[in-house]
Amino acid sequence: MKEFLKRSISGLLFAAVLLGSIFFGPWSFVLLFALFSIFILREFYQLSKTSGLRPQAYLGITLGVLIFVLVFLQAKGIISVNVTGFCLSMLFLVPGYELFRSRKNALENVAVTILGILYVIYPLSLFNYFVFPNAPKDNLYDPTLLIFLFMLIWSFDSGAYLFGITLGKHRLFERISPKKSWEGFFGGWFLSIVIALVMQRIFPRYGTGFMVILASIVTVTGTIGDLVESMIKRNLGVKDSGKFLPGHGGMLDRFDSILFASPFIYLLIHFFG
């Protein structure tokens, strides 16, 4: 009971800070998620060190935050450079810097440094286009969609947990995550759709069909994202990515689902929205 209470309080405080910063405005949003970029990427590199690799943590984090901020500035209309080409070009600093480190496993060190940026920073950078949904045509800040996404992720997690512990009998992916069940998956899916329909009533700018598809994509890709992080941790022999939130583990543990879902949501919005 004490552990559950600690988990609930820390989770509520985290949600309040996150949603409040997104809602407050673009500058609180970029500040918060730039900090999140540092924490999450640092955890990823710390995890990789348990396997004997030595990623370029400082360079990777610096490039990651710079890329996130540049994409924000481009989405907000402050700069007009080709951010994609510029960011991809900067990644070549990583193999160049490895020449001067004199470390073993040079290829693996370079690969895991770049992987961290692609796995963490690329999805986080897409959040900028969720809060500036009409960029580059206009640069009006609208936090609605990103708030929706977090609400759907949390709804799915809550539903999967409740249905899983009460009805769960059939394992979803036992090799990677023995506790997850199909009953929990479909229960979480159901709850996320219910929440999506409620939010659609409150903010009718998005159609019912769009919200159902959005909830479904978040559910499926978020589940895969959670399993991918579990696969990484199982391979490295660790339980949590860190100890940032009491009762919840690390920041990567909190963002694994939405990081994986983010690119697919971007495709939905910009190609089928």
Protein backbone atom coordinates (compact mmCIF):
# COMPACT_ATOMS: atom_id res chain seq x y z
CA MET A 1 0.00 0.00 0.00
CA LYS A 2 2.85 2.38 0.87
CA GLU A 3 4.56 1.67 -2.46
CA PHE A 4 1.29 2.21 -4.34
CA LEU A 5 0.77 5.55 -2.57
CA LYS A 6 4.32 6.68 -3.39
CA ARG A 7 3.85 5.64 -7.01
CA SER A 8 0.51 7.48 -7.25
CA ILE A 9 1.77 10.74 -5.73
CA SER A 10 4.93 10.87 -7.85
CA GLY A 11 2.91 10.01 -10.96
CA LEU A 12 0.36 12.76 -10.31
CA LEU A 13 3.07 15.35 -9.66
CA PHE A 14 4.90 14.35 -12.82
CA ALA A 15 1.68 14.56 -14.87
CA ALA A 16 0.82 17.97 -13.39
CA VAL A 17 4.25 19.43 -14.19
CA LEU A 18 4.30 17.94 -17.69
CA LEU A 19 0.77 18.97 -18.70
CA GLY A 20 1.09 22.35 -17.01
CA SER A 21 4.29 23.17 -18.89
CA ILE A 22 2.79 22.11 -22.22
CA PHE A 23 -0.38 24.11 -21.58
CA PHE A 24 1.36 27.24 -20.28
CA GLY A 25 3.06 28.14 -23.53
CA PRO A 26 5.79 27.39 -26.09
CA TRP A 27 8.74 28.54 -23.98
CA SER A 28 7.82 26.44 -20.95
CA PHE A 29 7.25 23.53 -23.35
CA VAL A 30 10.66 23.81 -25.00
CA LEU A 31 12.43 24.28 -21.68
CA LEU A 32 10.80 21.23 -20.11
CA PHE A 33 11.38 18.92 -23.06
CA ALA A 34 14.94 20.11 -23.55
CA LEU A 35 15.53 19.02 -19.94
CA PHE A 36 13.71 15.75 -20.62
CA SER A 37 15.98 15.22 -23.63
CA ILE A 38 19.01 15.45 -21.35
CA PHE A 39 17.61 13.08 -18.72
CA ILE A 40 16.29 10.46 -21.13
CA LEU A 41 19.35 10.42 -23.37
CA ARG A 42 21.64 10.25 -20.34
CA GLU A 43 19.73 7.19 -19.08
CA PHE A 44 20.00 5.54 -22.49
CA TYR A 45 23.76 6.01 -22.56
CA GLN A 46 24.10 4.84 -18.95
CA LEU A 47 22.20 1.67 -19.88
CA SER A 48 24.54 0.99 -22.80
CA LYS A 49 27.56 1.29 -20.50
CA THR A 50 26.38 -1.79 -18.58
CA SER A 51 27.29 -3.85 -21.67
CA GLY A 52 30.84 -2.51 -21.74
CA LEU A 53 30.29 0.11 -24.43
CA ARG A 54 31.44 3.70 -24.03
CA PRO A 55 29.13 5.99 -25.99
CA GLN A 56 30.01 9.65 -26.48
CA ALA A 57 27.53 10.73 -23.84
CA TYR A 58 28.43 14.42 -23.63
CA LEU A 59 28.57 14.92 -27.38
CA GLY A 60 25.41 12.87 -27.91
CA ILE A 61 23.45 14.85 -25.31
CA THR A 62 24.74 18.18 -26.65
CA LEU A 63 23.79 17.28 -30.22
CA GLY A 64 20.45 15.90 -29.04
CA VAL A 65 19.40 19.05 -27.19
CA LEU A 66 20.66 21.24 -30.05
CA ILE A 67 18.61 19.26 -32.57
CA PHE A 68 15.47 19.46 -30.42
CA VAL A 69 15.82 23.23 -29.94
CA LEU A 70 16.57 23.84 -33.64
CA VAL A 71 13.44 21.92 -34.68
CA PHE A 72 11.43 23.96 -32.14
CA LEU A 73 12.78 27.24 -33.55
CA GLN A 74 12.01 26.11 -37.08
CA ALA A 75 8.47 25.00 -36.18
CA LYS A 76 7.87 28.31 -34.37
CA GLY A 77 9.03 30.24 -37.42
CA ILE A 78 12.06 31.88 -35.80
CA ILE A 79 14.55 30.24 -38.18
CA SER A 80 14.04 28.94 -41.69
CA VAL A 81 17.07 26.71 -42.25
CA ASN A 82 16.78 23.19 -43.60
CA VAL A 83 16.76 21.62 -40.15
CA THR A 84 16.64 18.03 -41.39
CA GLY A 85 19.77 18.36 -43.52
CA PHE A 86 21.60 20.32 -40.83
CA CYS A 87 20.80 17.79 -38.10
CA LEU A 88 21.80 14.80 -40.23
CA SER A 89 25.07 16.54 -41.09
CA MET A 90 25.89 17.06 -37.41
CA LEU A 91 25.69 13.32 -36.77
CA PHE A 92 28.96 12.93 -38.68
CA LEU A 93 30.70 14.62 -35.77
CA VAL A 94 30.26 11.37 -33.83
CA PRO A 95 32.53 9.05 -35.91
CA GLY A 96 35.00 11.93 -36.33
CA TYR A 97 35.27 12.46 -32.59
CA GLU A 98 35.71 8.72 -31.97
CA LEU A 99 39.10 8.96 -33.69
CA PHE A 100 40.49 10.90 -30.73
CA ARG A 101 39.05 8.79 -27.88
CA SER A 102 41.32 5.71 -28.05
CA ARG A 103 38.52 3.41 -26.82
CA LYS A 104 37.78 -0.21 -27.64
CA ASN A 105 34.73 -1.11 -29.71
CA ALA A 106 34.88 2.11 -31.72
CA LEU A 107 32.20 1.03 -34.20
CA GLU A 108 29.79 0.03 -31.44
CA ASN A 109 30.45 3.26 -29.52
CA VAL A 110 29.62 5.34 -32.58
CA ALA A 111 26.56 3.24 -33.36
CA VAL A 112 25.05 3.45 -29.87
CA THR A 113 25.73 7.21 -29.66
CA ILE A 114 23.84 7.84 -32.90
CA LEU A 115 21.15 5.32 -31.96
CA GLY A 116 20.45 7.26 -28.77
CA ILE A 117 19.85 10.44 -30.76
CA LEU A 118 17.57 8.65 -33.23
CA TYR A 119 15.69 6.68 -30.57
CA VAL A 120 15.17 9.57 -28.12
CA ILE A 121 15.65 12.95 -29.83
CA TYR A 122 14.01 12.26 -33.17
CA PRO A 123 10.61 11.35 -31.61
CA LEU A 124 10.84 14.17 -29.05
CA SER A 125 11.61 16.64 -31.84
CA LEU A 126 8.40 15.63 -33.61
CA PHE A 127 6.50 16.92 -30.56
CA ASN A 128 7.33 20.39 -31.89
CA TYR A 129 5.13 19.73 -34.91
CA PHE A 130 2.32 18.49 -32.67
CA VAL A 131 2.22 21.81 -30.78
CA PHE A 132 2.70 23.77 -34.01
CA PRO A 133 0.35 21.63 -36.12
CA ASN A 134 0.18 24.03 -39.08
CA ALA A 135 3.89 24.81 -39.39
CA PRO A 136 5.30 26.17 -41.62
CA LYS A 137 2.07 27.77 -42.95
CA ASP A 138 1.45 29.41 -39.59
CA ASN A 139 3.20 29.20 -36.24
CA LEU A 140 0.27 29.29 -33.82
CA TYR A 141 1.04 27.30 -30.65
CA ASP A 142 -1.68 24.73 -29.93
CA PRO A 143 -0.93 22.20 -27.17
CA THR A 144 -4.19 20.25 -27.58
CA LEU A 145 -2.90 17.34 -29.63
CA LEU A 146 0.19 16.68 -27.50
CA ILE A 147 -1.93 16.75 -24.34
CA PHE A 148 -4.30 14.28 -26.03
CA LEU A 149 -1.40 11.95 -26.77
CA PHE A 150 -0.20 11.84 -23.19
CA MET A 151 -3.76 11.35 -21.93
CA LEU A 152 -4.24 8.43 -24.33
CA ILE A 153 -0.91 6.83 -23.37
CA TRP A 154 -1.72 7.11 -19.67
CA SER A 155 -5.28 5.85 -20.24
CA PHE A 156 -3.96 2.80 -22.05
CA ASP A 157 -1.37 2.09 -19.35
CA SER A 158 -4.01 2.38 -16.60
CA GLY A 159 -6.50 0.18 -18.45
CA ALA A 160 -3.87 -2.42 -19.31
CA TYR A 161 -2.79 -2.57 -15.67
CA LEU A 162 -6.32 -2.88 -14.26
CA PHE A 163 -7.57 -5.42 -16.80
CA GLY A 164 -4.27 -7.28 -16.71
CA ILE A 165 -4.21 -7.88 -12.96
CA THR A 166 -7.91 -8.81 -12.82
CA LEU A 167 -8.44 -10.79 -16.03
CA GLY A 168 -4.98 -11.43 -17.48
CA LYS A 169 -4.42 -15.08 -18.42
CA HIS A 170 -2.98 -15.12 -21.91
CA ARG A 171 0.55 -13.74 -22.19
CA LEU A 172 1.10 -11.03 -24.81
CA PHE A 173 4.88 -11.38 -25.29
CA GLU A 174 6.14 -13.66 -22.56
CA ARG A 175 9.71 -13.86 -23.86
CA ILE A 176 10.19 -10.13 -23.29
CA SER A 177 7.58 -9.11 -20.70
CA PRO A 178 6.08 -12.03 -18.73
CA LYS A 179 3.44 -9.90 -16.96
CA LYS A 180 1.76 -8.35 -19.99
CA SER A 181 -1.41 -10.06 -21.20
CA TRP A 182 -3.76 -9.87 -24.16
CA GLU A 183 -6.59 -9.09 -21.75
CA GLY A 184 -4.65 -6.12 -20.46
CA PHE A 185 -3.84 -4.97 -23.99
CA PHE A 186 -7.46 -5.01 -25.16
CA GLY A 187 -8.67 -3.53 -21.87
CA GLY A 188 -6.21 -0.65 -22.25
CA TRP A 189 -7.21 -0.20 -25.87
CA PHE A 190 -10.88 -0.01 -24.87
CA LEU A 191 -10.21 2.59 -22.16
CA SER A 192 -8.05 4.72 -24.47
CA ILE A 193 -10.85 4.80 -27.06
CA VAL A 194 -13.37 5.80 -24.36
CA ILE A 195 -11.09 8.63 -23.25
CA ALA A 196 -10.52 9.65 -26.88
CA LEU A 197 -14.27 9.94 -27.45
CA VAL A 198 -14.69 11.97 -24.26
CA MET A 199 -11.92 14.34 -25.32
CA GLN A 200 -13.48 14.62 -28.77
CA ARG A 201 -16.69 15.85 -27.14
CA ILE A 202 -14.75 18.48 -25.20
CA PHE A 203 -12.58 19.53 -28.18
CA PRO A 204 -14.72 18.82 -31.27
CA ARG A 205 -12.15 20.19 -33.72
CA TYR A 206 -11.04 16.58 -34.30
CA GLY A 207 -13.52 14.12 -35.80
CA THR A 208 -14.66 10.95 -34.05
CA GLY A 209 -13.00 8.69 -36.61
CA PHE A 210 -9.70 10.52 -36.29
CA MET A 211 -9.74 10.20 -32.49
CA VAL A 212 -10.50 6.45 -32.64
CA ILE A 213 -7.67 5.91 -35.13
CA LEU A 214 -5.36 8.07 -33.01
CA ALA A 215 -6.15 6.05 -29.88
CA SER A 216 -5.58 2.80 -31.79
CA ILE A 217 -2.21 3.91 -33.17
CA VAL A 218 -1.12 5.10 -29.73
CA THR A 219 -2.17 1.76 -28.24
CA VAL A 220 -0.46 -0.50 -30.76
CA THR A 221 2.74 1.48 -31.31
CA GLY A 222 2.97 2.43 -27.62
CA THR A 223 2.81 -1.24 -26.67
CA ILE A 224 5.57 -2.07 -29.16
CA GLY A 225 7.64 0.80 -27.76
CA ASP A 226 7.26 -0.51 -24.24
CA LEU A 227 8.27 -4.00 -25.39
CA VAL A 228 11.29 -2.63 -27.28
CA GLU A 229 12.57 -0.91 -24.15
CA SER A 230 11.90 -4.08 -22.13
CA MET A 231 13.91 -6.01 -24.72
CA ILE A 232 16.82 -3.60 -24.33
CA LYS A 233 16.73 -3.77 -20.52
CA ARG A 234 16.40 -7.57 -20.54
CA ASN A 235 19.36 -7.83 -22.88
CA LEU A 236 21.38 -5.65 -20.50
CA GLY A 237 20.11 -7.39 -17.37
CA VAL A 238 18.56 -4.31 -15.71
CA LYS A 239 15.06 -3.76 -14.30
CA ASP A 240 14.61 0.00 -14.71
CA SER A 241 16.33 2.61 -16.84
CA GLY A 242 16.89 4.78 -13.76
CA LYS A 243 15.40 6.05 -10.51
CA PHE A 244 14.08 9.44 -11.55
CA LEU A 245 10.49 8.90 -10.35
CA PRO A 246 9.80 7.01 -7.10
CA GLY A 247 7.86 3.85 -7.91
CA HIS A 248 8.08 4.43 -11.68
CA GLY A 249 11.73 3.92 -12.57
CA GLY A 250 13.56 6.23 -14.93
CA MET A 251 12.52 8.83 -17.45
CA LEU A 252 13.06 6.43 -20.33
CA ASP A 253 10.62 4.04 -18.63
CA ARG A 254 8.01 6.83 -18.60
CA PHE A 255 8.54 7.84 -22.23
CA ASP A 256 9.23 4.50 -23.95
CA SER A 257 5.68 4.18 -25.32
CA ILE A 258 5.23 7.70 -26.65
CA LEU A 259 8.74 7.81 -28.12
CA PHE A 260 7.90 4.86 -30.34
CA ALA A 261 4.39 6.13 -31.11
CA SER A 262 5.49 9.66 -32.05
CA PRO A 263 6.70 9.01 -35.65
CA PHE A 264 3.55 7.05 -36.52
CA ILE A 265 1.32 9.78 -35.10
CA TYR A 266 3.26 12.32 -37.17
CA LEU A 267 2.55 10.26 -40.29
CA LEU A 268 -1.15 10.08 -39.42
CA ILE A 269 -1.44 13.83 -38.91
CA HIS A 270 0.60 15.07 -41.85
CA PHE A 271 -0.35 12.54 -44.47
CA PHE A 272 -3.84 11.40 -43.49
CA GLY A 273 -5.03 14.18 -41.16
